[in-house]
Amino acid sequence: MKYERKTSKNIKDNFLLELLKDREILVEEKDYNKFFYPTKDNEIDSSLLDNIDKACEMLHEHLTRGNKIYLVVD
């Protein structure tokens, strides 16, 4: 099997931590627990999300109708 390394360095220790830092998902090592073990302090106000009101209306409408709902989380 051929593969291509997509990181900027040769990761040997703590692969996941180093990969997340390399991809700039985590800036500092101390952010590791915030990423993998989030708490209420890590939540953002949902009212700041674009189109959240429309999404709530659509969800309510489909729940009321008894429709099946497929959620995709990114």
PDB file of N, CA and C in Angstrom:
ATOM      1  N   MET A   1       0.841  -1.170   0.000  1.00  0.00           N
ATOM      2  CA  MET A   1       0.000   0.000   0.000  1.00  0.00           C
ATOM      3  C   MET A   1       0.894   1.242   0.000  1.00  0.00           C
ATOM      4  N   LYS A   2       0.551   2.200  -0.829  1.00  0.00           N
ATOM      5  CA  LYS A   2       1.273   3.463  -0.855  1.00  0.00           C
ATOM      6  C   LYS A   2       0.537   4.476   0.011  1.00  0.00           C
ATOM      7  N   TYR A   3       1.286   5.323   0.654  1.00  0.00           N
ATOM      8  CA  TYR A   3       0.680   6.391   1.430  1.00  0.00           C
ATOM      9  C   TYR A   3       1.550   7.624   1.342  1.00  0.00           C
ATOM     10  N   GLU A   4       0.926   8.740   1.604  1.00  0.00           N
ATOM     11  CA  GLU A   4       1.640  10.008   1.568  1.00  0.00           C
ATOM     12  C   GLU A   4       1.437  10.698   2.908  1.00  0.00           C
ATOM     13  N   ARG A   5       2.512  11.075   3.558  1.00  0.00           N
ATOM     14  CA  ARG A   5       2.414  11.746   4.844  1.00  0.00           C
ATOM     15  C   ARG A   5       1.898  13.170   4.632  1.00  0.00           C
ATOM     16  N   LYS A   6       0.882  13.552   5.379  1.00  0.00           N
ATOM     17  CA  LYS A   6       0.275  14.878   5.228  1.00  0.00           C
ATOM     18  C   LYS A   6       0.622  15.804   6.398  1.00  0.00           C
ATOM     19  N   THR A   7       1.635  15.436   7.155  1.00  0.00           N
ATOM     20  CA  THR A   7       2.054  16.283   8.270  1.00  0.00           C
ATOM     21  C   THR A   7       3.389  16.917   7.933  1.00  0.00           C
ATOM     22  N   SER A   8       3.709  17.972   8.665  1.00  0.00           N
ATOM     23  CA  SER A   8       4.960  18.673   8.385  1.00  0.00           C
ATOM     24  C   SER A   8       6.146  18.088   9.142  1.00  0.00           C
ATOM     25  N   LYS A   9       5.889  17.122  10.012  1.00  0.00           N
ATOM     26  CA  LYS A   9       6.981  16.539  10.777  1.00  0.00           C
ATOM     27  C   LYS A   9       6.791  15.042  10.947  1.00  0.00           C
ATOM     28  N   ASN A  10       7.814  14.393  11.369  1.00  0.00           N
ATOM     29  CA  ASN A  10       7.772  12.957  11.591  1.00  0.00           C
ATOM     30  C   ASN A  10       7.278  12.712  13.023  1.00  0.00           C
ATOM     31  N   ILE A  11       6.046  12.311  13.177  1.00  0.00           N
ATOM     32  CA  ILE A  11       5.433  12.150  14.488  1.00  0.00           C
ATOM     33  C   ILE A  11       5.739  10.755  15.029  1.00  0.00           C
ATOM     34  N   LYS A  12       6.338  10.720  16.222  1.00  0.00           N
ATOM     35  CA  LYS A  12       6.671   9.436  16.841  1.00  0.00           C
ATOM     36  C   LYS A  12       5.979   9.272  18.186  1.00  0.00           C
ATOM     37  N   ASP A  13       5.944  10.325  18.990  1.00  0.00           N
ATOM     38  CA  ASP A  13       5.341  10.257  20.320  1.00  0.00           C
ATOM     39  C   ASP A  13       3.997  10.957  20.327  1.00  0.00           C
ATOM     40  N   ASN A  14       3.052  10.393  21.063  1.00  0.00           N
ATOM     41  CA  ASN A  14       1.706  10.962  21.220  1.00  0.00           C
ATOM     42  C   ASN A  14       1.162  11.436  19.871  1.00  0.00           C
ATOM     43  N   PHE A  15       0.949  10.488  18.997  1.00  0.00           N
ATOM     44  CA  PHE A  15       0.584  10.758  17.611  1.00  0.00           C
ATOM     45  C   PHE A  15      -0.606  11.707  17.487  1.00  0.00           C
ATOM     46  N   LEU A  16      -1.687  11.420  18.205  1.00  0.00           N
ATOM     47  CA  LEU A  16      -2.897  12.218  18.049  1.00  0.00           C
ATOM     48  C   LEU A  16      -2.669  13.672  18.474  1.00  0.00           C
ATOM     49  N   LEU A  17      -2.021  13.880  19.594  1.00  0.00           N
ATOM     50  CA  LEU A  17      -1.745  15.235  20.056  1.00  0.00           C
ATOM     51  C   LEU A  17      -0.892  15.990  19.038  1.00  0.00           C
ATOM     52  N   GLU A  18       0.165  15.364  18.579  1.00  0.00           N
ATOM     53  CA  GLU A  18       1.056  16.020  17.625  1.00  0.00           C
ATOM     54  C   GLU A  18       0.375  16.276  16.280  1.00  0.00           C
ATOM     55  N   LEU A  19      -0.468  15.353  15.847  1.00  0.00           N
ATOM     56  CA  LEU A  19      -1.196  15.542  14.596  1.00  0.00           C
ATOM     57  C   LEU A  19      -2.155  16.729  14.696  1.00  0.00           C
ATOM     58  N   LEU A  20      -2.889  16.835  15.800  1.00  0.00           N
ATOM     59  CA  LEU A  20      -3.817  17.949  15.986  1.00  0.00           C
ATOM     60  C   LEU A  20      -3.076  19.284  16.076  1.00  0.00           C
ATOM     61  N   LYS A  21      -1.922  19.288  16.710  1.00  0.00           N
ATOM     62  CA  LYS A  21      -1.111  20.509  16.761  1.00  0.00           C
ATOM     63  C   LYS A  21      -0.578  20.847  15.371  1.00  0.00           C
ATOM     64  N   ASP A  22      -0.145  19.843  14.639  1.00  0.00           N
ATOM     65  CA  ASP A  22       0.390  20.067  13.298  1.00  0.00           C
ATOM     66  C   ASP A  22      -0.662  20.651  12.360  1.00  0.00           C
ATOM     67  N   ARG A  23      -1.885  20.217  12.504  1.00  0.00           N
ATOM     68  CA  ARG A  23      -2.977  20.712  11.661  1.00  0.00           C
ATOM     69  C   ARG A  23      -3.640  21.966  12.230  1.00  0.00           C
ATOM     70  N   GLU A  24      -3.039  22.495  13.302  1.00  0.00           N
ATOM     71  CA  GLU A  24      -3.487  23.721  13.950  1.00  0.00           C
ATOM     72  C   GLU A  24      -4.909  23.632  14.500  1.00  0.00           C
ATOM     73  N   ILE A  25      -5.303  22.432  14.891  1.00  0.00           N
ATOM     74  CA  ILE A  25      -6.580  22.240  15.577  1.00  0.00           C
ATOM     75  C   ILE A  25      -6.384  22.563  17.056  1.00  0.00           C
ATOM     76  N   LEU A  26      -5.251  22.137  17.583  1.00  0.00           N
ATOM     77  CA  LEU A  26      -4.845  22.505  18.935  1.00  0.00           C
ATOM     78  C   LEU A  26      -3.622  23.396  18.817  1.00  0.00           C
ATOM     79  N   VAL A  27      -3.652  24.505  19.529  1.00  0.00           N
ATOM     80  CA  VAL A  27      -2.516  25.415  19.479  1.00  0.00           C
ATOM     81  C   VAL A  27      -1.487  25.017  20.537  1.00  0.00           C
ATOM     82  N   GLU A  28      -1.973  24.695  21.724  1.00  0.00           N
ATOM     83  CA  GLU A  28      -1.083  24.337  22.822  1.00  0.00           C
ATOM     84  C   GLU A  28      -1.494  22.990  23.399  1.00  0.00           C
ATOM     85  N   GLU A  29      -0.563  22.327  24.025  1.00  0.00           N
ATOM     86  CA  GLU A  29      -0.824  21.010  24.605  1.00  0.00           C
ATOM     87  C   GLU A  29      -1.909  21.076  25.680  1.00  0.00           C
ATOM     88  N   LYS A  30      -1.994  22.204  26.383  1.00  0.00           N
ATOM     89  CA  LYS A  30      -2.999  22.341  27.441  1.00  0.00           C
ATOM     90  C   LYS A  30      -4.429  22.310  26.890  1.00  0.00           C
ATOM     91  N   ASP A  31      -4.601  22.544  25.587  1.00  0.00           N
ATOM     92  CA  ASP A  31      -5.928  22.514  24.969  1.00  0.00           C
ATOM     93  C   ASP A  31      -6.423  21.098  24.690  1.00  0.00           C
ATOM     94  N   TYR A  32      -5.575  20.106  24.889  1.00  0.00           N
ATOM     95  CA  TYR A  32      -5.905  18.707  24.604  1.00  0.00           C
ATOM     96  C   TYR A  32      -7.170  18.263  25.349  1.00  0.00           C
ATOM     97  N   ASN A  33      -7.219  18.527  26.653  1.00  0.00           N
ATOM     98  CA  ASN A  33      -8.390  18.107  27.436  1.00  0.00           C
ATOM     99  C   ASN A  33      -9.645  18.861  27.041  1.00  0.00           C
ATOM    100  N   LYS A  34      -9.516  20.133  26.668  1.00  0.00           N
ATOM    101  CA  LYS A  34     -10.682  20.892  26.214  1.00  0.00           C
ATOM    102  C   LYS A  34     -11.266  20.278  24.945  1.00  0.00           C
ATOM    103  N   PHE A  35     -10.388  19.758  24.098  1.00  0.00           N
ATOM    104  CA  PHE A  35     -10.819  19.173  22.828  1.00  0.00           C
ATOM    105  C   PHE A  35     -11.472  17.811  23.032  1.00  0.00           C
ATOM    106  N   PHE A  36     -10.857  16.952  23.842  1.00  0.00           N
ATOM    107  CA  PHE A  36     -11.353  15.585  24.018  1.00  0.00           C
ATOM    108  C   PHE A  36     -12.321  15.414  25.175  1.00  0.00           C
ATOM    109  N   TYR A  37     -12.293  16.329  26.128  1.00  0.00           N
ATOM    110  CA  TYR A  37     -13.179  16.248  27.295  1.00  0.00           C
ATOM    111  C   TYR A  37     -13.817  17.610  27.539  1.00  0.00           C
ATOM    112  N   PRO A  38     -14.658  18.052  26.608  1.00  0.00           N
ATOM    113  CA  PRO A  38     -15.243  19.395  26.748  1.00  0.00           C
ATOM    114  C   PRO A  38     -16.192  19.476  27.934  1.00  0.00           C
ATOM    115  N   THR A  39     -16.315  20.672  28.475  1.00  0.00           N
ATOM    116  CA  THR A  39     -17.241  20.943  29.573  1.00  0.00           C
ATOM    117  C   THR A  39     -18.210  22.037  29.124  1.00  0.00           C
ATOM    118  N   LYS A  40     -19.120  22.394  29.985  1.00  0.00           N
ATOM    119  CA  LYS A  40     -20.075  23.476  29.683  1.00  0.00           C
ATOM    120  C   LYS A  40     -19.344  24.787  29.368  1.00  0.00           C
ATOM    121  N   ASP A  41     -18.171  24.980  29.956  1.00  0.00           N
ATOM    122  CA  ASP A  41     -17.400  26.201  29.710  1.00  0.00           C
ATOM    123  C   ASP A  41     -16.936  26.315  28.263  1.00  0.00           C
ATOM    124  N   ASN A  42     -16.880  25.189  27.546  1.00  0.00           N
ATOM    125  CA  ASN A  42     -16.418  25.193  26.160  1.00  0.00           C
ATOM    126  C   ASN A  42     -17.545  25.467  25.157  1.00  0.00           C
ATOM    127  N   GLU A  43     -18.781  25.470  25.632  1.00  0.00           N
ATOM    128  CA  GLU A  43     -19.916  25.682  24.736  1.00  0.00           C
ATOM    129  C   GLU A  43     -20.012  27.145  24.320  1.00  0.00           C
ATOM    130  N   ILE A  44     -20.510  27.338  23.096  1.00  0.00           N
ATOM    131  CA  ILE A  44     -20.777  28.701  22.643  1.00  0.00           C
ATOM    132  C   ILE A  44     -22.285  28.933  22.699  1.00  0.00           C
ATOM    133  N   ASP A  45     -22.697  30.162  22.699  1.00  0.00           N
ATOM    134  CA  ASP A  45     -24.112  30.517  22.694  1.00  0.00           C
ATOM    135  C   ASP A  45     -24.692  30.147  21.332  1.00  0.00           C
ATOM    136  N   SER A  46     -25.663  29.246  21.316  1.00  0.00           N
ATOM    137  CA  SER A  46     -26.224  28.775  20.043  1.00  0.00           C
ATOM    138  C   SER A  46     -26.882  29.895  19.239  1.00  0.00           C
ATOM    139  N   SER A  47     -27.277  30.961  19.905  1.00  0.00           N
ATOM    140  CA  SER A  47     -27.912  32.071  19.177  1.00  0.00           C
ATOM    141  C   SER A  47     -26.920  32.780  18.256  1.00  0.00           C
ATOM    142  N   LEU A  48     -25.625  32.505  18.415  1.00  0.00           N
ATOM    143  CA  LEU A  48     -24.615  33.117  17.557  1.00  0.00           C
ATOM    144  C   LEU A  48     -24.442  32.360  16.242  1.00  0.00           C
ATOM    145  N   LEU A  49     -25.053  31.182  16.117  1.00  0.00           N
ATOM    146  CA  LEU A  49     -24.931  30.385  14.898  1.00  0.00           C
ATOM    147  C   LEU A  49     -25.829  30.933  13.793  1.00  0.00           C
ATOM    148  N   ASP A  50     -25.318  30.949  12.568  1.00  0.00           N
ATOM    149  CA  ASP A  50     -26.102  31.409  11.428  1.00  0.00           C
ATOM    150  C   ASP A  50     -27.324  30.517  11.229  1.00  0.00           C
ATOM    151  N   ASN A  51     -28.468  31.104  10.965  1.00  0.00           N
ATOM    152  CA  ASN A  51     -29.714  30.406  10.625  1.00  0.00           C
ATOM    153  C   ASN A  51     -30.213  29.454  11.708  1.00  0.00           C
ATOM    154  N   ILE A  52     -29.829  29.670  12.965  1.00  0.00           N
ATOM    155  CA  ILE A  52     -30.252  28.760  14.031  1.00  0.00           C
ATOM    156  C   ILE A  52     -31.766  28.813  14.236  1.00  0.00           C
ATOM    157  N   ASP A  53     -32.369  29.978  14.053  1.00  0.00           N
ATOM    158  CA  ASP A  53     -33.820  30.089  14.216  1.00  0.00           C
ATOM    159  C   ASP A  53     -34.541  29.248  13.166  1.00  0.00           C
ATOM    160  N   LYS A  54     -34.091  29.335  11.929  1.00  0.00           N
ATOM    161  CA  LYS A  54     -34.686  28.549  10.852  1.00  0.00           C
ATOM    162  C   LYS A  54     -34.492  27.046  11.114  1.00  0.00           C
ATOM    163  N   ALA A  55     -33.312  26.677  11.590  1.00  0.00           N
ATOM    164  CA  ALA A  55     -33.039  25.265  11.881  1.00  0.00           C
ATOM    165  C   ALA A  55     -33.970  24.746  12.972  1.00  0.00           C
ATOM    166  N   CYS A  56     -34.206  25.548  13.995  1.00  0.00           N
ATOM    167  CA  CYS A  56     -35.112  25.145  15.079  1.00  0.00           C
ATOM    168  C   CYS A  56     -36.542  24.975  14.566  1.00  0.00           C
ATOM    169  N   GLU A  57     -36.965  25.896  13.714  1.00  0.00           N
ATOM    170  CA  GLU A  57     -38.308  25.802  13.131  1.00  0.00           C
ATOM    171  C   GLU A  57     -38.449  24.533  12.296  1.00  0.00           C
ATOM    172  N   MET A  58     -37.442  24.237  11.481  1.00  0.00           N
ATOM    173  CA  MET A  58     -37.490  23.042  10.638  1.00  0.00           C
ATOM    174  C   MET A  58     -37.506  21.777  11.487  1.00  0.00           C
ATOM    175  N   LEU A  59     -36.678  21.740  12.519  1.00  0.00           N
ATOM    176  CA  LEU A  59     -36.629  20.575  13.397  1.00  0.00           C
ATOM    177  C   LEU A  59     -37.981  20.365  14.070  1.00  0.00           C
ATOM    178  N   HIS A  60     -38.555  21.431  14.589  1.00  0.00           N
ATOM    179  CA  HIS A  60     -39.859  21.334  15.245  1.00  0.00           C
ATOM    180  C   HIS A  60     -40.931  20.837  14.274  1.00  0.00           C
ATOM    181  N   GLU A  61     -40.913  21.379  13.068  1.00  0.00           N
ATOM    182  CA  GLU A  61     -41.893  20.978  12.055  1.00  0.00           C
ATOM    183  C   GLU A  61     -41.795  19.475  11.754  1.00  0.00           C
ATOM    184  N   HIS A  62     -40.580  18.989  11.566  1.00  0.00           N
ATOM    185  CA  HIS A  62     -40.407  17.578  11.222  1.00  0.00           C
ATOM    186  C   HIS A  62     -40.698  16.659  12.406  1.00  0.00           C
ATOM    187  N   LEU A  63     -40.380  17.100  13.608  1.00  0.00           N
ATOM    188  CA  LEU A  63     -40.722  16.302  14.788  1.00  0.00           C
ATOM    189  C   LEU A  63     -42.236  16.212  14.952  1.00  0.00           C
ATOM    190  N   THR A  64     -42.911  17.342  14.721  1.00  0.00           N
ATOM    191  CA  THR A  64     -44.371  17.380  14.834  1.00  0.00           C
ATOM    192  C   THR A  64     -45.024  16.433  13.827  1.00  0.00           C
ATOM    193  N   ARG A  65     -44.454  16.368  12.624  1.00  0.00           N
ATOM    194  CA  ARG A  65     -44.999  15.493  11.573  1.00  0.00           C
ATOM    195  C   ARG A  65     -44.630  14.022  11.782  1.00  0.00           C
ATOM    196  N   GLY A  66     -43.697  13.759  12.685  1.00  0.00           N
ATOM    197  CA  GLY A  66     -43.259  12.386  12.912  1.00  0.00           C
ATOM    198  C   GLY A  66     -42.284  11.891  11.854  1.00  0.00           C
ATOM    199  N   ASN A  67     -41.642  12.819  11.146  1.00  0.00           N
ATOM    200  CA  ASN A  67     -40.681  12.446  10.111  1.00  0.00           C
ATOM    201  C   ASN A  67     -39.413  11.855  10.726  1.00  0.00           C
ATOM    202  N   LYS A  68     -38.745  11.028   9.957  1.00  0.00           N
ATOM    203  CA  LYS A  68     -37.434  10.536  10.367  1.00  0.00           C
ATOM    204  C   LYS A  68     -36.429  11.653  10.141  1.00  0.00           C
ATOM    205  N   ILE A  69     -35.460  11.751  11.038  1.00  0.00           N
ATOM    206  CA  ILE A  69     -34.456  12.808  10.953  1.00  0.00           C
ATOM    207  C   ILE A  69     -33.080  12.163  10.962  1.00  0.00           C
ATOM    208  N   TYR A  70     -32.255  12.561  10.021  1.00  0.00           N
ATOM    209  CA  TYR A  70     -30.891  12.072   9.899  1.00  0.00           C
ATOM    210  C   TYR A  70     -29.955  13.212  10.258  1.00  0.00           C
ATOM    211  N   LEU A  71     -29.159  13.034  11.305  1.00  0.00           N
ATOM    212  CA  LEU A  71     -28.251  14.084  11.753  1.00  0.00           C
ATOM    213  C   LEU A  71     -26.826  13.783  11.286  1.00  0.00           C
ATOM    214  N   VAL A  72     -26.184  14.798  10.757  1.00  0.00           N
ATOM    215  CA  VAL A  72     -24.769  14.715  10.389  1.00  0.00           C
ATOM    216  C   VAL A  72     -24.050  15.743  11.234  1.00  0.00           C
ATOM    217  N   VAL A  73     -23.066  15.306  11.989  1.00  0.00           N
ATOM    218  CA  VAL A  73     -22.342  16.202  12.882  1.00  0.00           C
ATOM    219  C   VAL A  73     -20.918  16.335  12.398  1.00  0.00           C
ATOM    220  N   ASP A  74     -20.462  17.556  12.305  1.00  0.00           N
ATOM    221  CA  ASP A  74     -19.092  17.815  11.863  1.00  0.00           C
ATOM    222  C   ASP A  74     -18.327  18.469  12.977  1.00  0.00           C
TER     223      ASP A  74
END
